[in-house]
Amino acid sequence: MIQATLRMNFAPQKFDEAIQILHSIIERTKAEVGCISCSVFHDRGSEGLIIYEEKWRNSDDLQRHLRSDEYKNVLLVMEMATTKPEIRFDTITDSSGVETIEKARTKK
C-alpha cells in the first residue's frame, strides 16, 4: 500500500476555497481503480493547515492517478498554498491491529 500525504498551509482568504475543492475531489478519487481511501483534514488549532491523504493499493494505481485530470485539481490547490507543501509518499508493507497491543501487553 502507498500512502500519499500533502500538508499545506493557506492564507485565511484561500482556506475555504482550498477545502471546498479538495472535498469535491474525494468521492471521484475514491471511485478510481486501486484507491483504498481519500480524506481531507484540518485542525482548528493549526490555523490554515490542511492535510490531504490518499491510500493506494500499489504503485501502478498511484502513478495512473498522478497522471489523471482529477489530480490536476490537487496540483492547483497546492499552488494556492502560502508555503511550499510538504509531500510524502510512504510505502507500507505491513499492517496489524489489536493483536499488536495484546502481544505487547502480555510480554513479561
N, C-alpha and C. Protein backbone atom coordinates (compact mmCIF):
# COMPACT_ATOMS: atom_id res chain seq x y z
N MET A 1 0.85 -1.18 0.00
CA MET A 1 0.00 0.00 0.00
C MET A 1 0.89 1.23 0.00
N ILE A 2 0.44 2.26 -0.67
CA ILE A 2 1.17 3.53 -0.70
C ILE A 2 0.26 4.63 -0.15
N GLN A 3 0.79 5.37 0.80
CA GLN A 3 0.05 6.49 1.38
C GLN A 3 0.67 7.79 0.88
N ALA A 4 -0.15 8.61 0.25
CA ALA A 4 0.28 9.93 -0.22
C ALA A 4 -0.29 10.97 0.73
N THR A 5 0.58 11.81 1.29
CA THR A 5 0.15 12.82 2.25
C THR A 5 0.65 14.18 1.82
N LEU A 6 -0.27 15.15 1.76
CA LEU A 6 0.08 16.54 1.46
C LEU A 6 -0.28 17.39 2.66
N ARG A 7 0.68 18.14 3.18
CA ARG A 7 0.44 19.10 4.26
C ARG A 7 0.62 20.48 3.65
N MET A 8 -0.44 21.28 3.71
CA MET A 8 -0.42 22.58 3.04
C MET A 8 -0.95 23.66 3.97
N ASN A 9 -0.36 24.84 3.90
CA ASN A 9 -0.82 25.99 4.68
C ASN A 9 -1.41 27.02 3.74
N PHE A 10 -2.54 27.61 4.17
CA PHE A 10 -3.25 28.57 3.34
C PHE A 10 -3.53 29.85 4.10
N ALA A 11 -3.54 30.94 3.35
CA ALA A 11 -3.96 32.22 3.90
C ALA A 11 -5.45 32.13 4.22
N PRO A 12 -5.92 32.87 5.21
CA PRO A 12 -7.35 32.80 5.58
C PRO A 12 -8.31 32.98 4.41
N GLN A 13 -7.99 33.87 3.48
CA GLN A 13 -8.90 34.12 2.36
C GLN A 13 -8.91 32.99 1.32
N LYS A 14 -7.94 32.07 1.37
CA LYS A 14 -7.89 30.94 0.43
C LYS A 14 -8.28 29.61 1.08
N PHE A 15 -8.33 29.58 2.41
CA PHE A 15 -8.57 28.34 3.15
C PHE A 15 -9.88 27.66 2.74
N ASP A 16 -11.00 28.37 2.79
CA ASP A 16 -12.30 27.78 2.48
C ASP A 16 -12.36 27.28 1.04
N GLU A 17 -11.78 28.01 0.13
CA GLU A 17 -11.76 27.59 -1.28
C GLU A 17 -10.97 26.29 -1.44
N ALA A 18 -9.82 26.21 -0.78
CA ALA A 18 -8.99 25.00 -0.85
C ALA A 18 -9.75 23.79 -0.30
N ILE A 19 -10.39 23.97 0.86
CA ILE A 19 -11.16 22.88 1.47
C ILE A 19 -12.29 22.44 0.53
N GLN A 20 -12.98 23.39 -0.05
CA GLN A 20 -14.09 23.09 -0.95
C GLN A 20 -13.62 22.28 -2.17
N ILE A 21 -12.53 22.69 -2.77
CA ILE A 21 -12.01 21.97 -3.94
C ILE A 21 -11.60 20.56 -3.56
N LEU A 22 -10.87 20.42 -2.45
CA LEU A 22 -10.41 19.09 -2.03
C LEU A 22 -11.59 18.18 -1.70
N HIS A 23 -12.61 18.71 -1.04
CA HIS A 23 -13.79 17.89 -0.74
C HIS A 23 -14.50 17.45 -2.02
N SER A 24 -14.46 18.27 -3.05
CA SER A 24 -15.11 17.90 -4.32
C SER A 24 -14.33 16.79 -5.04
N ILE A 25 -13.08 16.63 -4.73
CA ILE A 25 -12.22 15.63 -5.36
C ILE A 25 -12.37 14.25 -4.71
N ILE A 26 -12.66 14.23 -3.43
CA ILE A 26 -12.60 12.99 -2.64
C ILE A 26 -13.42 11.84 -3.23
N GLU A 27 -14.69 12.04 -3.48
CA GLU A 27 -15.54 10.93 -3.93
C GLU A 27 -15.12 10.39 -5.30
N ARG A 28 -14.72 11.29 -6.20
CA ARG A 28 -14.27 10.82 -7.52
C ARG A 28 -12.96 10.03 -7.40
N THR A 29 -12.09 10.48 -6.50
CA THR A 29 -10.82 9.77 -6.30
C THR A 29 -11.08 8.39 -5.70
N LYS A 30 -11.99 8.31 -4.73
CA LYS A 30 -12.32 7.02 -4.11
C LYS A 30 -12.85 6.02 -5.14
N ALA A 31 -13.46 6.51 -6.22
CA ALA A 31 -14.03 5.64 -7.24
C ALA A 31 -12.97 5.12 -8.22
N GLU A 32 -11.76 5.66 -8.17
CA GLU A 32 -10.71 5.22 -9.09
C GLU A 32 -10.22 3.83 -8.72
N VAL A 33 -9.81 3.08 -9.73
CA VAL A 33 -9.27 1.74 -9.51
C VAL A 33 -8.03 1.83 -8.63
N GLY A 34 -8.02 1.03 -7.57
CA GLY A 34 -6.85 0.97 -6.70
C GLY A 34 -6.86 1.92 -5.52
N CYS A 35 -7.83 2.82 -5.46
CA CYS A 35 -7.89 3.75 -4.33
C CYS A 35 -8.49 3.04 -3.12
N ILE A 36 -7.77 3.06 -2.02
CA ILE A 36 -8.24 2.45 -0.78
C ILE A 36 -9.01 3.50 0.03
N SER A 37 -8.47 4.72 0.09
CA SER A 37 -9.17 5.80 0.80
C SER A 37 -8.63 7.15 0.34
N CYS A 38 -9.43 8.17 0.63
CA CYS A 38 -9.06 9.55 0.30
C CYS A 38 -9.75 10.44 1.32
N SER A 39 -8.98 11.30 1.99
CA SER A 39 -9.53 12.13 3.07
C SER A 39 -8.86 13.49 3.10
N VAL A 40 -9.59 14.44 3.67
CA VAL A 40 -9.02 15.77 3.91
C VAL A 40 -9.27 16.11 5.37
N PHE A 41 -8.24 16.67 6.02
CA PHE A 41 -8.31 17.01 7.44
C PHE A 41 -7.85 18.45 7.64
N HIS A 42 -8.42 19.10 8.62
CA HIS A 42 -7.90 20.39 9.04
C HIS A 42 -8.08 20.50 10.53
N ASP A 43 -7.09 21.06 11.18
CA ASP A 43 -7.06 21.18 12.63
C ASP A 43 -7.36 22.62 12.99
N ARG A 44 -8.42 22.82 13.72
CA ARG A 44 -8.80 24.19 14.11
C ARG A 44 -7.71 24.87 14.93
N GLY A 45 -6.88 24.07 15.58
CA GLY A 45 -5.79 24.63 16.38
C GLY A 45 -4.59 25.05 15.56
N SER A 46 -4.50 24.56 14.34
CA SER A 46 -3.39 24.91 13.44
C SER A 46 -3.95 25.72 12.29
N GLU A 47 -4.05 26.99 12.50
CA GLU A 47 -4.69 27.88 11.54
C GLU A 47 -4.08 27.77 10.15
N GLY A 48 -4.93 27.49 9.17
CA GLY A 48 -4.51 27.45 7.78
C GLY A 48 -3.96 26.12 7.31
N LEU A 49 -3.80 25.13 8.19
CA LEU A 49 -3.22 23.84 7.81
C LEU A 49 -4.30 22.88 7.31
N ILE A 50 -4.04 22.31 6.14
CA ILE A 50 -4.90 21.27 5.57
C ILE A 50 -4.01 20.07 5.26
N ILE A 51 -4.50 18.89 5.63
CA ILE A 51 -3.80 17.64 5.30
C ILE A 51 -4.71 16.85 4.37
N TYR A 52 -4.18 16.52 3.21
CA TYR A 52 -4.91 15.74 2.21
C TYR A 52 -4.20 14.39 2.10
N GLU A 53 -4.95 13.31 2.23
CA GLU A 53 -4.33 11.99 2.28
C GLU A 53 -5.05 11.02 1.35
N GLU A 54 -4.26 10.26 0.60
CA GLU A 54 -4.78 9.21 -0.26
C GLU A 54 -4.01 7.93 0.05
N LYS A 55 -4.71 6.79 -0.05
CA LYS A 55 -4.07 5.49 0.10
C LYS A 55 -4.37 4.68 -1.15
N TRP A 56 -3.31 4.09 -1.71
CA TRP A 56 -3.40 3.36 -2.98
C TRP A 56 -2.92 1.93 -2.83
N ARG A 57 -3.54 1.04 -3.55
CA ARG A 57 -3.23 -0.39 -3.48
C ARG A 57 -1.79 -0.66 -3.90
N ASN A 58 -1.32 0.00 -4.97
CA ASN A 58 0.04 -0.24 -5.45
C ASN A 58 0.55 0.96 -6.25
N SER A 59 1.79 0.88 -6.65
CA SER A 59 2.45 1.98 -7.36
C SER A 59 1.80 2.27 -8.71
N ASP A 60 1.40 1.23 -9.43
CA ASP A 60 0.78 1.44 -10.74
C ASP A 60 -0.51 2.25 -10.62
N ASP A 61 -1.33 1.93 -9.62
CA ASP A 61 -2.57 2.68 -9.41
C ASP A 61 -2.28 4.13 -9.04
N LEU A 62 -1.30 4.34 -8.19
CA LEU A 62 -0.92 5.70 -7.80
C LEU A 62 -0.40 6.48 -9.01
N GLN A 63 0.47 5.88 -9.80
CA GLN A 63 1.03 6.57 -10.97
C GLN A 63 -0.06 6.97 -11.96
N ARG A 64 -1.02 6.08 -12.17
CA ARG A 64 -2.14 6.38 -13.07
C ARG A 64 -2.92 7.59 -12.53
N HIS A 65 -3.15 7.61 -11.22
CA HIS A 65 -3.87 8.72 -10.60
C HIS A 65 -3.09 10.03 -10.72
N LEU A 66 -1.78 9.98 -10.50
CA LEU A 66 -0.97 11.20 -10.59
C LEU A 66 -0.98 11.80 -11.99
N ARG A 67 -1.22 10.98 -13.00
CA ARG A 67 -1.30 11.46 -14.39
C ARG A 67 -2.72 11.89 -14.79
N SER A 68 -3.69 11.66 -13.91
CA SER A 68 -5.09 11.91 -14.26
C SER A 68 -5.46 13.40 -14.27
N ASP A 69 -6.55 13.69 -14.96
CA ASP A 69 -7.08 15.06 -14.95
C ASP A 69 -7.53 15.45 -13.55
N GLU A 70 -8.05 14.49 -12.79
CA GLU A 70 -8.52 14.77 -11.43
C GLU A 70 -7.38 15.27 -10.55
N TYR A 71 -6.18 14.71 -10.73
CA TYR A 71 -5.06 15.13 -9.89
C TYR A 71 -4.60 16.55 -10.23
N LYS A 72 -4.92 17.03 -11.43
CA LYS A 72 -4.60 18.42 -11.77
C LYS A 72 -5.25 19.38 -10.78
N ASN A 73 -6.44 19.04 -10.29
CA ASN A 73 -7.12 19.88 -9.31
C ASN A 73 -6.34 19.92 -7.99
N VAL A 74 -5.76 18.80 -7.60
CA VAL A 74 -4.92 18.77 -6.40
C VAL A 74 -3.70 19.67 -6.60
N LEU A 75 -3.10 19.61 -7.78
CA LEU A 75 -1.94 20.46 -8.07
C LEU A 75 -2.31 21.94 -8.02
N LEU A 76 -3.50 22.27 -8.51
CA LEU A 76 -3.96 23.67 -8.45
C LEU A 76 -4.12 24.13 -7.01
N VAL A 77 -4.64 23.26 -6.15
CA VAL A 77 -4.77 23.61 -4.73
C VAL A 77 -3.39 23.81 -4.11
N MET A 78 -2.45 22.96 -4.46
CA MET A 78 -1.09 23.09 -3.94
C MET A 78 -0.48 24.45 -4.30
N GLU A 79 -0.80 24.94 -5.50
CA GLU A 79 -0.28 26.24 -5.93
C GLU A 79 -0.89 27.38 -5.12
N MET A 80 -2.04 27.17 -4.49
CA MET A 80 -2.69 28.20 -3.68
C MET A 80 -2.05 28.33 -2.29
N ALA A 81 -1.26 27.34 -1.88
CA ALA A 81 -0.68 27.33 -0.54
C ALA A 81 0.28 28.51 -0.35
N THR A 82 0.38 28.96 0.89
CA THR A 82 1.25 30.11 1.19
C THR A 82 2.72 29.72 1.28
N THR A 83 2.99 28.46 1.57
CA THR A 83 4.36 27.95 1.63
C THR A 83 4.44 26.68 0.79
N LYS A 84 5.64 26.23 0.53
CA LYS A 84 5.83 25.01 -0.25
C LYS A 84 5.19 23.84 0.49
N PRO A 85 4.26 23.11 -0.16
CA PRO A 85 3.60 21.98 0.51
C PRO A 85 4.60 20.88 0.87
N GLU A 86 4.32 20.19 1.96
CA GLU A 86 5.10 19.01 2.33
C GLU A 86 4.40 17.82 1.68
N ILE A 87 5.14 17.09 0.84
CA ILE A 87 4.58 15.98 0.08
C ILE A 87 5.34 14.71 0.47
N ARG A 88 4.58 13.68 0.85
CA ARG A 88 5.20 12.40 1.23
C ARG A 88 4.46 11.26 0.55
N PHE A 89 5.24 10.30 0.05
CA PHE A 89 4.71 9.05 -0.46
C PHE A 89 5.37 7.94 0.34
N ASP A 90 4.60 7.30 1.20
CA ASP A 90 5.12 6.25 2.07
C ASP A 90 4.59 4.90 1.64
N THR A 91 5.51 3.94 1.47
CA THR A 91 5.13 2.57 1.15
C THR A 91 4.98 1.81 2.45
N ILE A 92 3.81 1.22 2.65
CA ILE A 92 3.51 0.48 3.87
C ILE A 92 3.46 -0.99 3.50
N THR A 93 4.39 -1.77 4.07
CA THR A 93 4.49 -3.18 3.71
C THR A 93 3.82 -4.11 4.69
N ASP A 94 3.48 -3.61 5.88
CA ASP A 94 2.87 -4.47 6.88
C ASP A 94 1.86 -3.66 7.68
N SER A 95 0.84 -4.33 8.13
CA SER A 95 -0.19 -3.68 8.93
C SER A 95 -0.72 -4.69 9.93
N SER A 96 -1.04 -4.23 11.14
CA SER A 96 -1.61 -5.12 12.14
C SER A 96 -2.65 -4.36 12.94
N GLY A 97 -3.31 -5.08 13.82
CA GLY A 97 -4.36 -4.46 14.61
C GLY A 97 -4.18 -4.71 16.09
N VAL A 98 -5.27 -5.05 16.75
CA VAL A 98 -5.29 -5.20 18.19
C VAL A 98 -4.30 -6.26 18.68
N GLU A 99 -3.97 -7.20 17.83
CA GLU A 99 -3.02 -8.24 18.23
C GLU A 99 -1.66 -7.66 18.62
N THR A 100 -1.28 -6.55 18.05
CA THR A 100 -0.02 -5.91 18.41
C THR A 100 -0.08 -5.38 19.84
N ILE A 101 -1.20 -4.81 20.23
CA ILE A 101 -1.38 -4.32 21.60
C ILE A 101 -1.39 -5.50 22.57
N GLU A 102 -2.15 -6.54 22.21
CA GLU A 102 -2.22 -7.73 23.07
C GLU A 102 -0.85 -8.35 23.28
N LYS A 103 -0.07 -8.46 22.22
CA LYS A 103 1.26 -9.04 22.29
C LYS A 103 2.16 -8.21 23.21
N ALA A 104 2.11 -6.90 23.04
CA ALA A 104 2.96 -6.02 23.85
C ALA A 104 2.54 -6.05 25.31
N ARG A 105 1.25 -6.11 25.56
CA ARG A 105 0.74 -6.07 26.94
C ARG A 105 0.94 -7.38 27.69
N THR A 106 1.11 -8.50 26.97
CA THR A 106 1.28 -9.79 27.63
C THR A 106 2.73 -10.19 27.77
N LYS A 107 3.65 -9.45 27.16
CA LYS A 107 5.09 -9.73 27.32
C LYS A 107 5.54 -9.43 28.73
N LYS A 108 6.41 -10.27 29.26
CA LYS A 108 6.93 -10.06 30.61
C LYS A 108 8.38 -9.68 30.56
